[in-house]
Amino acid sequence: MQLNLTKPICFFDLETTGTNVVKDRIVEIAILKIFPNGNKESKTWLVNPEMQIPDEVIAIHGISNEKVANEPTFKELSKEIYKMVKDSDLGGFNSDRFDIPLLAEEMLRAGVDFDMKNMVSVDVQTIFHKMEKRTLEAAYKFYCDKNLIDAHSAEADTLATYEVLLSQLERYPELENNIKKLSEFTTRKQSVDFAGFIGLDKEGEEIFAFGKHKGKKVHDILEKEPGYFGWILNADFPLYTKKVLTQIKLSKLNNKLS
C-alpha cells in the first residue's frame, strides 16, 4: 500500500533532553519524507543541545553528552531541516502534543519563521489509541507483526511510525487514505497554537484555553486587559504561542485601522 498524497509528508521523531517543550532541547532528529510518487528520502542528525542531558534521559535513548559534544547545534542545522519539511505535511507518534511543539520552539529560537498554516499533521499515536490503546512498540507488533529493535532511537521510531500508519490504513477501511482526513481524525481538540493555550470557539474565533480567562475571546481580553498580553510575552510560555498571540493582536489593530 502507498499513502494517497497530494504533497509530501515528513514523518519525524525527536530524542530530547527531556519533556518540557519550552526548556528542553533536541539531541537527535530523524525525518522520513514520502513523496506523492512513492519515493522516499530520509535523514538523521545528532544535535548538540548546548545543555546537559540528564542521566535518567540518557538511560532511555542512549545518547550521552559525550556523543553529541562535537555535533552541530540545532541553530546550525535549522535551515537544512526546515528546507526538508517546509513543503510537506507532518506525521509522527505523539507528534501533535510533543514533537511538533518542540520542533517549532527550536525553529523559532534559531530564527526560522516556522509556521503550520500550510501544513496538516497526522498523529499515528492518536489513531492507535482510538483504535487499540497501546505504545509504539506494541503498535508495531500489533499492526506489523514485528519487534521494534532499537526503540527510542529516532531513526527506528520514525520508520516504525510510517509502517504502522500504512498497516492502520489496511486494517481499518473506515480510515480514508487522505492526509487531510487523517489529520482531522487525529486532532484531539481545536487549537491555534501547538501547546493548546489558544483554542477556537464554535464560531471559529480565538479563545483562551487556560487560566482565569479560559473560554473568553482573545480579542476581548487583549482590549480590556492589555497588560495580560505583556504578561504572557514575558512569562514561560512557548515561543509559538507568543507568536500566535502577537499575530492575533496585530490583526485586531489592522482591522481598526482599515
Protein backbone atom coordinates (compact mmCIF):
# COMPACT_ATOMS: atom_id res chain seq x y z
CA MET A 1 0.00 0.00 0.00
CA GLN A 2 1.03 3.60 -0.65
CA LEU A 3 -0.23 6.74 1.06
CA ASN A 4 -2.56 8.78 -1.12
CA LEU A 5 -0.66 12.07 -1.17
CA THR A 6 -1.16 15.40 -2.91
CA LYS A 7 2.05 16.79 -1.36
CA PRO A 8 4.98 15.22 0.52
CA ILE A 9 4.63 14.18 4.16
CA CYS A 10 7.54 14.11 6.59
CA PHE A 11 7.37 11.53 9.35
CA PHE A 12 9.78 12.58 12.09
CA ASP A 13 10.84 11.71 15.60
CA LEU A 14 12.86 13.57 18.21
CA GLU A 15 15.10 12.40 21.01
CA THR A 16 15.50 15.18 23.55
CA THR A 17 16.96 16.29 26.87
CA GLY A 18 13.52 15.96 28.49
CA THR A 19 9.80 16.57 28.02
CA ASN A 20 9.46 20.30 28.71
CA VAL A 21 8.64 21.92 25.36
CA VAL A 22 9.88 25.34 26.48
CA LYS A 23 13.08 24.38 28.30
CA ASP A 24 14.31 21.12 26.77
CA ARG A 25 16.27 20.66 23.54
CA ILE A 26 16.64 18.19 20.68
CA VAL A 27 19.59 15.75 20.71
CA GLU A 28 18.56 13.69 17.67
CA ILE A 29 16.07 14.19 14.85
CA ALA A 30 15.17 11.73 12.11
CA ILE A 31 12.97 12.59 9.12
CA LEU A 32 11.46 10.21 6.59
CA LYS A 33 9.99 12.18 3.68
CA ILE A 34 7.44 10.41 1.49
CA PHE A 35 6.64 11.92 -1.91
CA PRO A 36 3.33 11.58 -3.80
CA ASN A 37 5.03 9.30 -6.36
CA GLY A 38 6.12 6.92 -3.58
CA ASN A 39 9.78 8.00 -3.48
CA LYS A 40 11.38 8.32 -0.05
CA GLU A 41 14.13 10.46 1.39
CA SER A 42 15.49 10.02 4.91
CA LYS A 43 17.94 11.91 7.06
CA THR A 44 19.06 11.66 10.70
CA TRP A 45 21.01 14.27 12.64
CA LEU A 46 22.64 14.17 16.06
CA VAL A 47 22.37 17.59 17.70
CA ASN A 48 24.42 19.34 20.37
CA PRO A 49 21.68 20.61 22.74
CA GLU A 50 24.01 23.12 24.41
CA MET A 51 22.87 21.81 27.80
CA GLN A 52 23.45 18.72 29.92
CA ILE A 53 21.42 15.61 29.13
CA PRO A 54 20.18 14.15 32.46
CA ASP A 55 21.33 10.63 33.31
CA GLU A 56 17.75 9.35 33.54
CA VAL A 57 17.10 10.56 29.98
CA ILE A 58 20.35 9.05 28.65
CA ALA A 59 19.16 5.73 30.15
CA ILE A 60 16.11 5.90 27.85
CA HIS A 61 17.58 6.88 24.47
CA GLY A 62 21.28 6.10 24.99
CA ILE A 63 22.55 9.43 23.66
CA SER A 64 25.22 10.69 26.02
CA ASN A 65 26.65 14.18 26.45
CA GLU A 66 29.96 12.94 25.01
CA LYS A 67 28.20 11.58 21.91
CA VAL A 68 26.78 14.97 20.94
CA ALA A 69 29.56 17.23 22.26
CA ASN A 70 31.08 17.78 18.80
CA GLU A 71 27.83 17.68 16.81
CA PRO A 72 26.30 20.84 15.27
CA THR A 73 23.74 22.83 17.26
CA PHE A 74 20.11 22.97 16.15
CA LYS A 75 20.63 26.56 15.01
CA GLU A 76 23.40 25.36 12.67
CA LEU A 77 21.11 22.62 11.30
CA SER A 78 17.84 24.55 11.31
CA LYS A 79 17.86 25.79 7.70
CA GLU A 80 18.70 22.34 6.33
CA ILE A 81 15.95 20.72 8.41
CA TYR A 82 13.42 23.41 7.51
CA LYS A 83 14.22 23.06 3.81
CA MET A 84 13.34 19.36 4.07
CA VAL A 85 9.97 19.86 5.79
CA LYS A 86 8.65 23.24 4.62
CA ASP A 87 6.75 21.92 1.58
CA SER A 88 5.30 18.94 3.46
CA ASP A 89 2.66 17.82 5.90
CA LEU A 90 3.95 16.26 9.13
CA GLY A 91 3.46 12.83 10.70
CA GLY A 92 4.67 11.26 13.92
CA PHE A 93 3.85 9.29 17.06
CA ASN A 94 2.57 11.64 19.80
CA SER A 95 3.78 14.40 17.48
CA ASP A 96 0.86 16.81 17.96
CA ARG A 97 1.46 17.06 21.71
CA PHE A 98 5.26 16.89 21.81
CA ASP A 99 7.41 16.60 18.67
CA ILE A 100 5.76 19.37 16.62
CA PRO A 101 5.58 21.88 19.52
CA LEU A 102 9.24 21.24 20.41
CA LEU A 103 10.36 21.41 16.77
CA ALA A 104 8.54 24.74 16.44
CA GLU A 105 10.27 26.08 19.55
CA GLU A 106 13.70 25.06 18.27
CA MET A 107 12.99 26.62 14.86
CA LEU A 108 11.83 29.91 16.36
CA ARG A 109 14.82 30.02 18.74
CA ALA A 110 17.04 29.55 15.69
CA GLY A 111 15.37 32.47 13.91
CA VAL A 112 13.42 30.33 11.41
CA ASP A 113 9.83 31.58 10.95
CA PHE A 114 8.28 28.12 11.28
CA ASP A 115 4.52 28.03 10.73
CA MET A 116 1.88 25.31 10.26
CA LYS A 117 -0.57 27.45 8.24
CA ASN A 118 0.01 25.45 5.06
CA MET A 119 0.60 22.11 6.76
CA VAL A 120 -1.57 19.49 8.40
CA SER A 121 -0.36 16.83 10.80
CA VAL A 122 -1.19 13.16 11.33
CA ASP A 123 -0.54 11.77 14.80
CA VAL A 124 -0.30 7.99 14.38
CA GLN A 125 -0.46 7.54 18.16
CA THR A 126 -3.96 9.04 18.21
CA ILE A 127 -5.18 6.58 15.58
CA PHE A 128 -3.65 3.77 17.60
CA HIS A 129 -5.10 4.97 20.92
CA LYS A 130 -8.54 5.50 19.42
CA MET A 131 -8.47 2.01 17.94
CA GLU A 132 -6.30 -0.11 20.25
CA LYS A 133 -4.70 1.97 23.07
CA ARG A 134 -1.06 0.77 23.21
CA THR A 135 2.59 2.01 22.99
CA LEU A 136 4.65 2.35 19.78
CA GLU A 137 6.39 -0.99 20.42
CA ALA A 138 3.03 -2.70 20.91
CA ALA A 139 1.60 -0.88 17.89
CA TYR A 140 4.48 -2.10 15.73
CA LYS A 141 3.99 -5.66 16.93
CA PHE A 142 0.20 -5.49 16.62
CA TYR A 143 -0.01 -3.90 13.18
CA CYS A 144 3.22 -5.03 11.51
CA ASP A 145 3.91 -8.27 13.44
CA LYS A 146 7.49 -7.13 14.02
CA ASN A 147 9.53 -6.43 17.12
CA LEU A 148 10.77 -2.85 17.36
CA ILE A 149 14.56 -3.13 17.57
CA ASP A 150 16.39 -0.03 18.86
CA ALA A 151 13.27 1.54 20.38
CA HIS A 152 13.93 5.16 21.41
CA SER A 153 16.31 5.53 18.51
CA ALA A 154 14.82 8.39 16.47
CA GLU A 155 15.53 6.64 13.15
CA ALA A 156 13.97 3.32 14.22
CA ASP A 157 10.93 5.02 15.77
CA THR A 158 10.37 7.16 12.66
CA LEU A 159 10.41 4.21 10.27
CA ALA A 160 8.18 2.18 12.61
CA THR A 161 5.67 5.04 12.80
CA TYR A 162 5.43 5.21 9.00
CA GLU A 163 4.98 1.43 8.71
CA VAL A 164 2.33 1.44 11.45
CA LEU A 165 0.29 4.09 9.60
CA LEU A 166 0.35 2.04 6.39
CA SER A 167 -0.83 -1.01 8.33
CA GLN A 168 -3.54 1.02 10.06
CA LEU A 169 -4.90 2.10 6.68
CA GLU A 170 -5.01 -1.52 5.56
CA ARG A 171 -6.64 -2.73 8.78
CA TYR A 172 -9.32 -0.02 9.15
CA PRO A 173 -11.29 0.53 5.93
CA GLU A 174 -13.15 3.40 7.61
CA LEU A 175 -9.89 5.37 7.68
CA GLU A 176 -9.58 7.34 4.45
CA ASN A 177 -6.17 7.31 2.74
CA ASN A 178 -6.07 11.09 2.70
CA ILE A 179 -3.67 13.17 4.78
CA LYS A 180 -6.18 15.96 5.47
CA LYS A 181 -8.81 13.45 6.66
CA LEU A 182 -6.23 11.61 8.78
CA SER A 183 -5.17 14.93 10.28
CA GLU A 184 -8.78 15.69 11.20
CA PHE A 185 -9.16 12.21 12.73
CA THR A 186 -6.00 12.58 14.84
CA THR A 187 -6.70 16.12 16.04
CA ARG A 188 -7.67 15.93 19.71
CA LYS A 189 -9.01 19.46 20.08
CA GLN A 190 -9.23 22.70 18.16
CA SER A 191 -6.24 24.87 18.98
CA VAL A 192 -4.48 27.71 17.21
CA ASP A 193 -1.10 27.18 18.83
CA PHE A 194 0.60 23.80 19.23
CA ALA A 195 0.55 23.78 23.03
CA GLY A 196 -3.22 24.31 23.28
CA PHE A 197 -3.20 27.63 25.18
CA ILE A 198 -5.29 29.31 22.46
CA GLY A 199 -8.33 27.47 21.11
CA LEU A 200 -11.32 28.17 18.90
CA ASP A 201 -14.94 28.57 19.91
CA LYS A 202 -17.96 27.31 17.94
CA GLU A 203 -17.86 30.41 15.76
CA GLY A 204 -14.19 29.82 14.93
CA GLU A 205 -12.93 32.78 17.00
CA GLU A 206 -9.79 32.54 19.11
CA ILE A 207 -10.33 31.95 22.85
CA PHE A 208 -8.01 31.43 25.77
CA ALA A 209 -7.93 27.76 26.81
CA PHE A 210 -6.27 28.23 30.21
CA GLY A 211 -6.20 30.34 33.34
CA LYS A 212 -8.58 32.99 34.62
CA HIS A 213 -9.74 33.91 31.11
CA LYS A 214 -10.40 30.35 29.94
CA GLY A 215 -13.19 30.30 27.36
CA LYS A 216 -13.08 34.07 26.79
CA LYS A 217 -12.36 35.62 23.39
CA VAL A 218 -8.72 36.62 22.97
CA HIS A 219 -9.62 39.89 21.19
CA ASP A 220 -11.88 40.96 24.07
CA ILE A 221 -9.29 40.25 26.76
CA LEU A 222 -6.46 41.96 24.89
CA GLU A 223 -8.65 45.06 24.53
CA LYS A 224 -9.98 45.14 28.10
CA GLU A 225 -6.79 43.97 29.82
CA PRO A 226 -3.77 44.94 27.66
CA GLY A 227 -1.35 44.01 30.44
CA TYR A 228 -2.32 40.36 30.02
CA PHE A 229 -0.60 40.33 26.61
CA GLY A 230 2.61 41.65 28.14
CA TRP A 231 2.44 39.13 30.95
CA ILE A 232 2.22 36.21 28.50
CA LEU A 233 5.09 37.56 26.39
CA ASN A 234 7.33 37.78 29.46
CA ALA A 235 6.19 34.53 31.08
CA ASP A 236 7.36 30.97 30.47
CA PHE A 237 5.06 30.21 27.52
CA PRO A 238 6.16 28.52 24.26
CA LEU A 239 7.54 30.89 21.62
CA TYR A 240 4.96 29.68 19.09
CA THR A 241 2.12 30.57 21.48
CA LYS A 242 3.59 34.06 21.85
CA LYS A 243 3.90 34.33 18.07
CA VAL A 244 0.26 33.35 17.52
CA LEU A 245 -0.94 35.77 20.20
CA THR A 246 1.07 38.60 18.62
CA GLN A 247 -0.47 37.82 15.22
CA ILE A 248 -3.96 37.98 16.74
CA LYS A 249 -3.19 41.31 18.40
CA LEU A 250 -1.77 42.77 15.17
CA SER A 251 -4.76 41.59 13.12
CA LYS A 252 -7.07 43.39 15.58
CA LEU A 253 -5.04 46.60 15.23
CA ASN A 254 -5.05 46.31 11.43
CA ASN A 255 -8.82 45.85 11.41
CA LYS A 256 -9.21 49.02 13.47
CA LEU A 257 -7.01 50.99 11.10
CA SER A 258 -8.65 49.74 7.89
